[in-house]
Amino acid sequence: MNMFERLGKLDRRWIFLLLAVVCVATLLTEFRMPVRVSREVRSIYEFVDSLKAGDVIHVGIDYDPNALAELHPMAYAVMEHALKKDAKIVLTTLSQNGAGMAEQLMLDIIDTMKVQHKKDIKYGRDIVFLGYKPYYSIVILSMGENYRIPFPSDYYNTILDSIPIMQSIQNYDQIKAVIELGSGNIIDAWIADANARYGVKVALGVTGVMAADYYPYLRSGQIIGLMGGMLGAAEYEQLFQKPGTASEAMRVQVSAHVVIILFIIFGNIGFFISRRKGGSVV
């Protein structure tokens, strides 16, 4: 029995163990994984980079904790980039499980801007979190008329008109773009209700398995850019020249994929050798 045949009969638990070892070793090893930046991610970066001081963007944190690993790095990178350009952010969540994540994200970003960029980001002046409301399609349409219809107050029950950043914002006319980070049907509502109905620019960040579904919207011009999964987040981090959790995760992901591909190749070689000899591989 040759090496390939032995691999064909290898207990799968050894494969899982090797994968675990490779992932841990890669995570503990410092090296840069080259990332080729796609046009759809670059277009979002260039839009955010073109923002002027005082411009306002709307960021939607519309995903559940199960998509946090892929979409949180996008949110960190985009929001940090916008605040570094002295833009302002209106933050909402239309996912019932997103409020806690969105609030923590905002607080982390405020701390990061203070420590790493020496910028004193003030809640209410530079960023505001409006919180969660149900019936996302109605909320998106209502914000197109007036933010105060679905959100008379922010997440902390402060009346919107008393918040400095919201005093100059009535609807999407005062918003430069919506950057929607989502993992469900809420994404479609932003395209259909915000872009198609009110003409506001929309950029998307979605999970890796969803990205292919939204390229037609990119081609038609209904969205200005698209970030897909961990790779999309890593691309944005590379453009921002600040590697974060997505760039680190790409090392692990690529290493694990290489191991899996090698086992598939060796397993198939062993299978064909065994079949040629008239044997069988279990």
C-alpha atoms as a PDB file:
ATOM      1  CA  MET A   1       0.000   0.000   0.000  1.00  0.00           C
ATOM      2  CA  ASN A   2       1.532   3.325  -1.103  1.00  0.00           C
ATOM      3  CA  MET A   3       1.270   6.739   0.545  1.00  0.00           C
ATOM      4  CA  PHE A   4      -1.779   7.832  -1.466  1.00  0.00           C
ATOM      5  CA  GLU A   5      -3.704   4.695  -0.597  1.00  0.00           C
ATOM      6  CA  ARG A   6      -2.880   5.160   3.081  1.00  0.00           C
ATOM      7  CA  LEU A   7      -4.182   8.721   2.910  1.00  0.00           C
ATOM      8  CA  GLY A   8      -7.386   7.411   1.366  1.00  0.00           C
ATOM      9  CA  LYS A   9      -7.932   5.211   4.426  1.00  0.00           C
ATOM     10  CA  LEU A  10      -6.865   7.852   6.956  1.00  0.00           C
ATOM     11  CA  ASP A  11      -9.258   8.384   9.874  1.00  0.00           C
ATOM     12  CA  ARG A  12     -10.924  11.759   9.350  1.00  0.00           C
ATOM     13  CA  ARG A  13     -10.240  12.719  12.959  1.00  0.00           C
ATOM     14  CA  TRP A  14      -6.559  13.054  12.099  1.00  0.00           C
ATOM     15  CA  ILE A  15      -7.523  15.476   9.330  1.00  0.00           C
ATOM     16  CA  PHE A  16      -9.543  17.599  11.763  1.00  0.00           C
ATOM     17  CA  LEU A  17      -6.642  17.548  14.218  1.00  0.00           C
ATOM     18  CA  LEU A  18      -4.182  18.665  11.536  1.00  0.00           C
ATOM     19  CA  LEU A  19      -6.532  21.463  10.475  1.00  0.00           C
ATOM     20  CA  ALA A  20      -6.780  22.653  14.072  1.00  0.00           C
ATOM     21  CA  VAL A  21      -2.994  22.625  14.454  1.00  0.00           C
ATOM     22  CA  VAL A  22      -2.503  24.524  11.183  1.00  0.00           C
ATOM     23  CA  CYS A  23      -5.108  27.159  12.142  1.00  0.00           C
ATOM     24  CA  VAL A  24      -3.607  27.746  15.591  1.00  0.00           C
ATOM     25  CA  ALA A  25      -0.038  27.834  14.242  1.00  0.00           C
ATOM     26  CA  THR A  26      -1.033  30.289  11.511  1.00  0.00           C
ATOM     27  CA  LEU A  27      -2.830  32.518  14.009  1.00  0.00           C
ATOM     28  CA  LEU A  28       0.291  32.650  16.194  1.00  0.00           C
ATOM     29  CA  THR A  29       2.610  33.347  13.258  1.00  0.00           C
ATOM     30  CA  GLU A  30       3.098  36.909  12.050  1.00  0.00           C
ATOM     31  CA  PHE A  31       3.115  37.208   8.273  1.00  0.00           C
ATOM     32  CA  ARG A  32       1.228  39.253   5.687  1.00  0.00           C
ATOM     33  CA  MET A  33      -1.162  37.538   3.325  1.00  0.00           C
ATOM     34  CA  PRO A  34      -1.205  39.411  -0.004  1.00  0.00           C
ATOM     35  CA  VAL A  35      -4.702  40.579  -0.905  1.00  0.00           C
ATOM     36  CA  ARG A  36      -5.739  41.736  -4.355  1.00  0.00           C
ATOM     37  CA  VAL A  37      -8.184  44.640  -4.014  1.00  0.00           C
ATOM     38  CA  SER A  38     -11.275  44.377  -6.217  1.00  0.00           C
ATOM     39  CA  ARG A  39     -12.906  47.321  -7.975  1.00  0.00           C
ATOM     40  CA  GLU A  40     -16.141  46.965  -6.019  1.00  0.00           C
ATOM     41  CA  VAL A  41     -14.348  47.341  -2.684  1.00  0.00           C
ATOM     42  CA  ARG A  42     -12.098  50.107  -3.973  1.00  0.00           C
ATOM     43  CA  SER A  43     -15.147  52.111  -5.057  1.00  0.00           C
ATOM     44  CA  ILE A  44     -16.488  52.134  -1.476  1.00  0.00           C
ATOM     45  CA  TYR A  45     -13.095  53.118  -0.099  1.00  0.00           C
ATOM     46  CA  GLU A  46     -12.712  55.930  -2.637  1.00  0.00           C
ATOM     47  CA  PHE A  47     -16.205  57.214  -1.850  1.00  0.00           C
ATOM     48  CA  VAL A  48     -15.514  57.338   1.901  1.00  0.00           C
ATOM     49  CA  ASP A  49     -12.096  58.851   1.254  1.00  0.00           C
ATOM     50  CA  SER A  50     -13.748  61.631  -0.797  1.00  0.00           C
ATOM     51  CA  LEU A  51     -15.990  62.726   2.081  1.00  0.00           C
ATOM     52  CA  LYS A  52     -15.477  66.278   3.283  1.00  0.00           C
ATOM     53  CA  ALA A  53     -15.592  67.513   6.855  1.00  0.00           C
ATOM     54  CA  GLY A  54     -19.210  67.659   7.995  1.00  0.00           C
ATOM     55  CA  ASP A  55     -20.568  65.215   5.390  1.00  0.00           C
ATOM     56  CA  VAL A  56     -22.980  62.667   6.863  1.00  0.00           C
ATOM     57  CA  ILE A  57     -23.255  58.972   6.045  1.00  0.00           C
ATOM     58  CA  HIS A  58     -25.790  56.472   7.328  1.00  0.00           C
ATOM     59  CA  VAL A  59     -24.361  53.123   8.488  1.00  0.00           C
ATOM     60  CA  GLY A  60     -26.771  50.218   8.895  1.00  0.00           C
ATOM     61  CA  ILE A  61     -25.707  47.406  11.242  1.00  0.00           C
ATOM     62  CA  ASP A  62     -28.306  44.931  10.023  1.00  0.00           C
ATOM     63  CA  TYR A  63     -26.913  41.538  10.925  1.00  0.00           C
ATOM     64  CA  ASP A  64     -27.127  39.014  13.730  1.00  0.00           C
ATOM     65  CA  PRO A  65     -24.238  37.749  15.898  1.00  0.00           C
ATOM     66  CA  ASN A  66     -23.768  34.721  13.606  1.00  0.00           C
ATOM     67  CA  ALA A  67     -22.463  37.065  10.878  1.00  0.00           C
ATOM     68  CA  LEU A  68     -20.366  39.174  13.243  1.00  0.00           C
ATOM     69  CA  ALA A  69     -17.021  37.596  12.247  1.00  0.00           C
ATOM     70  CA  GLU A  70     -17.428  38.653   8.605  1.00  0.00           C
ATOM     71  CA  LEU A  71     -19.253  41.978   8.911  1.00  0.00           C
ATOM     72  CA  HIS A  72     -17.874  43.539  12.089  1.00  0.00           C
ATOM     73  CA  PRO A  73     -14.409  44.138  10.542  1.00  0.00           C
ATOM     74  CA  MET A  74     -16.116  45.998   7.669  1.00  0.00           C
ATOM     75  CA  ALA A  75     -18.027  48.180  10.106  1.00  0.00           C
ATOM     76  CA  TYR A  76     -14.890  49.022  12.093  1.00  0.00           C
ATOM     77  CA  ALA A  77     -12.881  49.901   8.987  1.00  0.00           C
ATOM     78  CA  VAL A  78     -15.567  52.006   7.270  1.00  0.00           C
ATOM     79  CA  MET A  79     -16.591  53.936  10.389  1.00  0.00           C
ATOM     80  CA  GLU A  80     -13.018  54.602  11.462  1.00  0.00           C
ATOM     81  CA  HIS A  81     -12.169  55.797   7.948  1.00  0.00           C
ATOM     82  CA  ALA A  82     -15.203  58.119   7.808  1.00  0.00           C
ATOM     83  CA  LEU A  83     -14.509  59.654  11.222  1.00  0.00           C
ATOM     84  CA  LYS A  84     -10.850  60.126  10.316  1.00  0.00           C
ATOM     85  CA  LYS A  85     -12.085  62.223   7.357  1.00  0.00           C
ATOM     86  CA  ASP A  86     -14.132  64.315   9.840  1.00  0.00           C
ATOM     87  CA  ALA A  87     -17.389  62.993   8.405  1.00  0.00           C
ATOM     88  CA  LYS A  88     -20.375  62.313  10.659  1.00  0.00           C
ATOM     89  CA  ILE A  89     -22.229  59.020  11.114  1.00  0.00           C
ATOM     90  CA  VAL A  90     -25.877  58.192  11.717  1.00  0.00           C
ATOM     91  CA  LEU A  91     -26.015  54.617  12.995  1.00  0.00           C
ATOM     92  CA  THR A  92     -29.087  52.369  12.999  1.00  0.00           C
ATOM     93  CA  THR A  93     -29.919  48.691  13.270  1.00  0.00           C
ATOM     94  CA  LEU A  94     -32.999  47.079  11.769  1.00  0.00           C
ATOM     95  CA  SER A  95     -32.092  43.607  13.030  1.00  0.00           C
ATOM     96  CA  GLN A  96     -33.694  42.674  16.344  1.00  0.00           C
ATOM     97  CA  ASN A  97     -30.392  41.211  17.543  1.00  0.00           C
ATOM     98  CA  GLY A  98     -28.200  44.083  16.410  1.00  0.00           C
ATOM     99  CA  ALA A  99     -28.674  46.836  18.990  1.00  0.00           C
ATOM    100  CA  GLY A 100     -26.121  45.575  21.515  1.00  0.00           C
ATOM    101  CA  MET A 101     -23.525  44.905  18.822  1.00  0.00           C
ATOM    102  CA  ALA A 102     -24.059  48.308  17.223  1.00  0.00           C
ATOM    103  CA  GLU A 103     -23.733  50.166  20.520  1.00  0.00           C
ATOM    104  CA  GLN A 104     -20.534  48.326  21.450  1.00  0.00           C
ATOM    105  CA  LEU A 105     -19.176  48.935  17.956  1.00  0.00           C
ATOM    106  CA  MET A 106     -19.810  52.656  18.312  1.00  0.00           C
ATOM    107  CA  LEU A 107     -18.168  52.854  21.743  1.00  0.00           C
ATOM    108  CA  ASP A 108     -15.125  50.899  20.509  1.00  0.00           C
ATOM    109  CA  ILE A 109     -14.761  53.223  17.526  1.00  0.00           C
ATOM    110  CA  ILE A 110     -14.933  56.313  19.741  1.00  0.00           C
ATOM    111  CA  ASP A 111     -12.163  54.873  21.944  1.00  0.00           C
ATOM    112  CA  THR A 112     -10.071  53.883  18.923  1.00  0.00           C
ATOM    113  CA  MET A 113     -10.302  57.353  17.420  1.00  0.00           C
ATOM    114  CA  LYS A 114      -9.167  58.903  20.687  1.00  0.00           C
ATOM    115  CA  VAL A 115      -6.254  56.530  21.328  1.00  0.00           C
ATOM    116  CA  GLN A 116      -4.945  55.892  17.817  1.00  0.00           C
ATOM    117  CA  HIS A 117      -5.908  59.021  15.893  1.00  0.00           C
ATOM    118  CA  LYS A 118      -5.983  61.616  18.702  1.00  0.00           C
ATOM    119  CA  LYS A 119      -9.494  62.659  17.653  1.00  0.00           C
ATOM    120  CA  ASP A 120     -12.065  63.497  20.299  1.00  0.00           C
ATOM    121  CA  ILE A 121     -15.232  62.001  18.842  1.00  0.00           C
ATOM    122  CA  LYS A 122     -18.311  63.302  20.630  1.00  0.00           C
ATOM    123  CA  TYR A 123     -21.573  61.394  20.740  1.00  0.00           C
ATOM    124  CA  GLY A 124     -24.330  63.570  19.339  1.00  0.00           C
ATOM    125  CA  ARG A 125     -21.904  65.838  17.484  1.00  0.00           C
ATOM    126  CA  ASP A 126     -19.936  63.366  15.335  1.00  0.00           C
ATOM    127  CA  ILE A 127     -21.915  60.151  15.671  1.00  0.00           C
ATOM    128  CA  VAL A 128     -25.390  59.182  16.820  1.00  0.00           C
ATOM    129  CA  PHE A 129     -27.034  55.799  17.362  1.00  0.00           C
ATOM    130  CA  LEU A 130     -30.756  55.831  16.692  1.00  0.00           C
ATOM    131  CA  GLY A 131     -31.278  52.239  17.811  1.00  0.00           C
ATOM    132  CA  TYR A 132     -33.582  49.491  16.561  1.00  0.00           C
ATOM    133  CA  LYS A 133     -37.071  49.615  15.092  1.00  0.00           C
ATOM    134  CA  PRO A 134     -39.109  46.679  13.707  1.00  0.00           C
ATOM    135  CA  TYR A 135     -40.698  46.439  10.232  1.00  0.00           C
ATOM    136  CA  TYR A 136     -37.559  47.437   8.382  1.00  0.00           C
ATOM    137  CA  SER A 137     -39.169  48.293   5.040  1.00  0.00           C
ATOM    138  CA  ILE A 138     -41.544  50.791   6.676  1.00  0.00           C
ATOM    139  CA  VAL A 139     -38.670  52.286   8.678  1.00  0.00           C
ATOM    140  CA  ILE A 140     -36.499  52.755   5.573  1.00  0.00           C
ATOM    141  CA  LEU A 141     -39.354  54.434   3.696  1.00  0.00           C
ATOM    142  CA  SER A 142     -40.208  56.618   6.689  1.00  0.00           C
ATOM    143  CA  MET A 143     -36.611  57.849   7.038  1.00  0.00           C
ATOM    144  CA  GLY A 144     -36.860  58.961   3.409  1.00  0.00           C
ATOM    145  CA  GLU A 145     -39.549  61.398   4.510  1.00  0.00           C
ATOM    146  CA  ASN A 146     -38.231  62.291   7.957  1.00  0.00           C
ATOM    147  CA  TYR A 147     -35.944  60.461  10.373  1.00  0.00           C
ATOM    148  CA  ARG A 148     -38.192  61.592  13.213  1.00  0.00           C
ATOM    149  CA  ILE A 149     -41.110  59.452  12.034  1.00  0.00           C
ATOM    150  CA  PRO A 150     -39.550  56.094  12.996  1.00  0.00           C
ATOM    151  CA  PHE A 151     -36.997  57.579  15.417  1.00  0.00           C
ATOM    152  CA  PRO A 152     -38.463  60.407  17.499  1.00  0.00           C
ATOM    153  CA  SER A 153     -35.584  59.789  19.912  1.00  0.00           C
ATOM    154  CA  ASP A 154     -32.230  58.022  19.806  1.00  0.00           C
ATOM    155  CA  TYR A 155     -31.196  54.757  21.466  1.00  0.00           C
ATOM    156  CA  TYR A 156     -30.786  56.567  24.791  1.00  0.00           C
ATOM    157  CA  ASN A 157     -34.245  58.200  24.582  1.00  0.00           C
ATOM    158  CA  THR A 158     -32.863  61.647  23.774  1.00  0.00           C
ATOM    159  CA  ILE A 159     -35.214  63.685  21.581  1.00  0.00           C
ATOM    160  CA  LEU A 160     -33.731  63.873  18.070  1.00  0.00           C
ATOM    161  CA  ASP A 161     -34.104  67.638  17.721  1.00  0.00           C
ATOM    162  CA  SER A 162     -31.910  68.143  20.771  1.00  0.00           C
ATOM    163  CA  ILE A 163     -29.026  66.156  19.231  1.00  0.00           C
ATOM    164  CA  PRO A 164     -26.650  68.494  17.330  1.00  0.00           C
ATOM    165  CA  ILE A 165     -25.900  66.127  14.445  1.00  0.00           C
ATOM    166  CA  MET A 166     -29.622  65.563  13.757  1.00  0.00           C
ATOM    167  CA  GLN A 167     -30.635  69.222  13.787  1.00  0.00           C
ATOM    168  CA  SER A 168     -29.476  69.624  10.182  1.00  0.00           C
ATOM    169  CA  ILE A 169     -30.795  66.236   8.999  1.00  0.00           C
ATOM    170  CA  GLN A 170     -34.371  65.680   7.953  1.00  0.00           C
ATOM    171  CA  ASN A 171     -34.198  62.806   5.455  1.00  0.00           C
ATOM    172  CA  TYR A 172     -31.915  61.157   2.890  1.00  0.00           C
ATOM    173  CA  ASP A 173     -31.387  64.476   1.103  1.00  0.00           C
ATOM    174  CA  GLN A 174     -28.870  65.386   3.793  1.00  0.00           C
ATOM    175  CA  ILE A 175     -27.160  61.959   3.657  1.00  0.00           C
ATOM    176  CA  LYS A 176     -24.256  61.372   1.279  1.00  0.00           C
ATOM    177  CA  ALA A 177     -24.776  57.593   1.200  1.00  0.00           C
ATOM    178  CA  VAL A 178     -26.070  54.605   3.098  1.00  0.00           C
ATOM    179  CA  ILE A 179     -23.453  51.970   3.837  1.00  0.00           C
ATOM    180  CA  GLU A 180     -25.507  48.901   4.580  1.00  0.00           C
ATOM    181  CA  LEU A 181     -23.820  45.980   6.348  1.00  0.00           C
ATOM    182  CA  GLY A 182     -26.293  43.127   6.444  1.00  0.00           C
ATOM    183  CA  SER A 183     -26.905  39.417   6.206  1.00  0.00           C
ATOM    184  CA  GLY A 184     -30.581  39.099   5.301  1.00  0.00           C
ATOM    185  CA  ASN A 185     -33.572  40.546   3.458  1.00  0.00           C
ATOM    186  CA  ILE A 186     -33.035  43.990   4.965  1.00  0.00           C
ATOM    187  CA  ILE A 187     -30.385  44.552   2.287  1.00  0.00           C
ATOM    188  CA  ASP A 188     -32.974  44.234  -0.487  1.00  0.00           C
ATOM    189  CA  ALA A 189     -35.199  46.778   1.237  1.00  0.00           C
ATOM    190  CA  TRP A 190     -32.392  49.350   1.303  1.00  0.00           C
ATOM    191  CA  ILE A 191     -31.926  48.915  -2.448  1.00  0.00           C
ATOM    192  CA  ALA A 192     -35.634  48.928  -3.325  1.00  0.00           C
ATOM    193  CA  ASP A 193     -36.879  51.505  -0.826  1.00  0.00           C
ATOM    194  CA  ALA A 194     -33.950  53.840  -0.203  1.00  0.00           C
ATOM    195  CA  ASN A 195     -32.122  53.826  -3.541  1.00  0.00           C
ATOM    196  CA  ALA A 196     -34.980  53.238  -5.971  1.00  0.00           C
ATOM    197  CA  ARG A 197     -37.541  55.387  -4.152  1.00  0.00           C
ATOM    198  CA  TYR A 198     -35.393  58.229  -2.818  1.00  0.00           C
ATOM    199  CA  GLY A 199     -32.253  58.042  -4.937  1.00  0.00           C
ATOM    200  CA  VAL A 200     -29.788  57.845  -2.049  1.00  0.00           C
ATOM    201  CA  LYS A 201     -26.487  56.118  -2.842  1.00  0.00           C
ATOM    202  CA  VAL A 202     -26.169  52.654  -1.285  1.00  0.00           C
ATOM    203  CA  ALA A 203     -23.015  50.605  -0.709  1.00  0.00           C
ATOM    204  CA  LEU A 204     -23.181  47.048   0.615  1.00  0.00           C
ATOM    205  CA  GLY A 205     -21.185  44.811   2.907  1.00  0.00           C
ATOM    206  CA  VAL A 206     -22.513  41.244   2.936  1.00  0.00           C
ATOM    207  CA  THR A 207     -21.435  37.764   3.980  1.00  0.00           C
ATOM    208  CA  GLY A 208     -19.286  35.755   1.600  1.00  0.00           C
ATOM    209  CA  VAL A 209     -22.061  33.370   0.520  1.00  0.00           C
ATOM    210  CA  MET A 210     -24.368  36.304  -0.303  1.00  0.00           C
ATOM    211  CA  ALA A 211     -21.968  38.404  -2.364  1.00  0.00           C
ATOM    212  CA  ALA A 212     -22.691  36.756  -5.742  1.00  0.00           C
ATOM    213  CA  ASP A 213     -26.395  37.641  -5.445  1.00  0.00           C
ATOM    214  CA  TYR A 214     -25.661  41.380  -5.407  1.00  0.00           C
ATOM    215  CA  TYR A 215     -23.321  41.765  -8.366  1.00  0.00           C
ATOM    216  CA  PRO A 216     -26.269  42.448 -10.719  1.00  0.00           C
ATOM    217  CA  TYR A 217     -27.138  45.502  -8.573  1.00  0.00           C
ATOM    218  CA  LEU A 218     -23.529  46.623  -8.879  1.00  0.00           C
ATOM    219  CA  ARG A 219     -23.607  46.277 -12.667  1.00  0.00           C
ATOM    220  CA  SER A 220     -26.876  48.199 -12.927  1.00  0.00           C
ATOM    221  CA  GLY A 221     -25.576  51.058 -10.784  1.00  0.00           C
ATOM    222  CA  GLN A 222     -28.125  50.538  -8.001  1.00  0.00           C
ATOM    223  CA  ILE A 223     -25.263  50.177  -5.522  1.00  0.00           C
ATOM    224  CA  ILE A 224     -21.941  52.016  -5.643  1.00  0.00           C
ATOM    225  CA  GLY A 225     -19.807  49.232  -4.192  1.00  0.00           C
ATOM    226  CA  LEU A 226     -19.793  45.794  -2.617  1.00  0.00           C
ATOM    227  CA  MET A 227     -17.734  44.111   0.098  1.00  0.00           C
ATOM    228  CA  GLY A 228     -18.126  40.351   0.291  1.00  0.00           C
ATOM    229  CA  GLY A 229     -17.239  38.411   3.425  1.00  0.00           C
ATOM    230  CA  MET A 230     -13.925  38.291   5.213  1.00  0.00           C
ATOM    231  CA  LEU A 231     -12.031  38.909   1.980  1.00  0.00           C
ATOM    232  CA  GLY A 232     -13.947  42.122   1.287  1.00  0.00           C
ATOM    233  CA  ALA A 233     -13.188  43.366   4.797  1.00  0.00           C
ATOM    234  CA  ALA A 234      -9.494  42.499   4.385  1.00  0.00           C
ATOM    235  CA  GLU A 235      -9.394  44.385   1.079  1.00  0.00           C
ATOM    236  CA  TYR A 236     -10.817  47.495   2.737  1.00  0.00           C
ATOM    237  CA  GLU A 237      -8.328  47.198   5.606  1.00  0.00           C
ATOM    238  CA  GLN A 238      -5.493  47.004   3.096  1.00  0.00           C
ATOM    239  CA  LEU A 239      -6.676  50.150   1.317  1.00  0.00           C
ATOM    240  CA  PHE A 240      -7.026  51.889   4.675  1.00  0.00           C
ATOM    241  CA  GLN A 241      -3.489  50.717   5.470  1.00  0.00           C
ATOM    242  CA  LYS A 242      -4.559  49.378   8.825  1.00  0.00           C
ATOM    243  CA  PRO A 243      -4.640  45.560   8.986  1.00  0.00           C
ATOM    244  CA  GLY A 244      -7.232  44.355  11.466  1.00  0.00           C
ATOM    245  CA  THR A 245      -9.108  41.207  12.393  1.00  0.00           C
ATOM    246  CA  ALA A 246     -10.097  40.463   8.782  1.00  0.00           C
ATOM    247  CA  SER A 247      -6.481  40.545   7.581  1.00  0.00           C
ATOM    248  CA  GLU A 248      -5.468  38.247  10.434  1.00  0.00           C
ATOM    249  CA  ALA A 249      -8.342  35.860   9.708  1.00  0.00           C
ATOM    250  CA  MET A 250      -7.373  35.659   6.039  1.00  0.00           C
ATOM    251  CA  ARG A 251      -4.077  34.029   7.043  1.00  0.00           C
ATOM    252  CA  VAL A 252      -5.933  31.298   8.894  1.00  0.00           C
ATOM    253  CA  GLN A 253      -8.565  30.892   6.195  1.00  0.00           C
ATOM    254  CA  VAL A 254      -6.065  30.551   3.356  1.00  0.00           C
ATOM    255  CA  SER A 255      -3.865  28.114   5.312  1.00  0.00           C
ATOM    256  CA  ALA A 256      -6.871  25.924   6.154  1.00  0.00           C
ATOM    257  CA  HIS A 257      -8.010  25.951   2.526  1.00  0.00           C
ATOM    258  CA  VAL A 258      -4.558  24.885   1.335  1.00  0.00           C
ATOM    259  CA  VAL A 259      -4.588  21.899   3.722  1.00  0.00           C
ATOM    260  CA  ILE A 260      -8.100  20.901   2.627  1.00  0.00           C
ATOM    261  CA  ILE A 261      -7.196  21.148  -1.068  1.00  0.00           C
ATOM    262  CA  LEU A 262      -4.079  19.019  -0.550  1.00  0.00           C
ATOM    263  CA  PHE A 263      -6.099  16.307   1.196  1.00  0.00           C
ATOM    264  CA  ILE A 264      -8.668  16.371  -1.623  1.00  0.00           C
ATOM    265  CA  ILE A 265      -5.907  15.981  -4.230  1.00  0.00           C
ATOM    266  CA  PHE A 266      -4.123  13.167  -2.374  1.00  0.00           C
ATOM    267  CA  GLY A 267      -7.411  11.427  -1.581  1.00  0.00           C
ATOM    268  CA  ASN A 268      -8.464  11.423  -5.236  1.00  0.00           C
ATOM    269  CA  ILE A 269      -5.063  10.159  -6.363  1.00  0.00           C
ATOM    270  CA  GLY A 270      -5.334   7.322  -3.845  1.00  0.00           C
ATOM    271  CA  PHE A 271      -8.861   6.544  -5.025  1.00  0.00           C
ATOM    272  CA  PHE A 272      -7.877   6.241  -8.695  1.00  0.00           C
ATOM    273  CA  ILE A 273      -4.778   4.166  -7.868  1.00  0.00           C
ATOM    274  CA  SER A 274      -6.901   1.807  -5.768  1.00  0.00           C
ATOM    275  CA  ARG A 275      -9.568   1.519  -8.479  1.00  0.00           C
ATOM    276  CA  ARG A 276      -6.947   0.750 -11.108  1.00  0.00           C
ATOM    277  CA  LYS A 277      -5.710  -2.109  -8.912  1.00  0.00           C
ATOM    278  CA  GLY A 278      -9.268  -3.351  -8.521  1.00  0.00           C
ATOM    279  CA  GLY A 279      -9.487  -2.480  -4.824  1.00  0.00           C
ATOM    280  CA  SER A 280     -11.752  -0.137  -2.919  1.00  0.00           C
ATOM    281  CA  VAL A 281     -11.210   2.859  -0.677  1.00  0.00           C
ATOM    282  CA  VAL A 282     -13.443   3.286   2.380  1.00  0.00           C
END
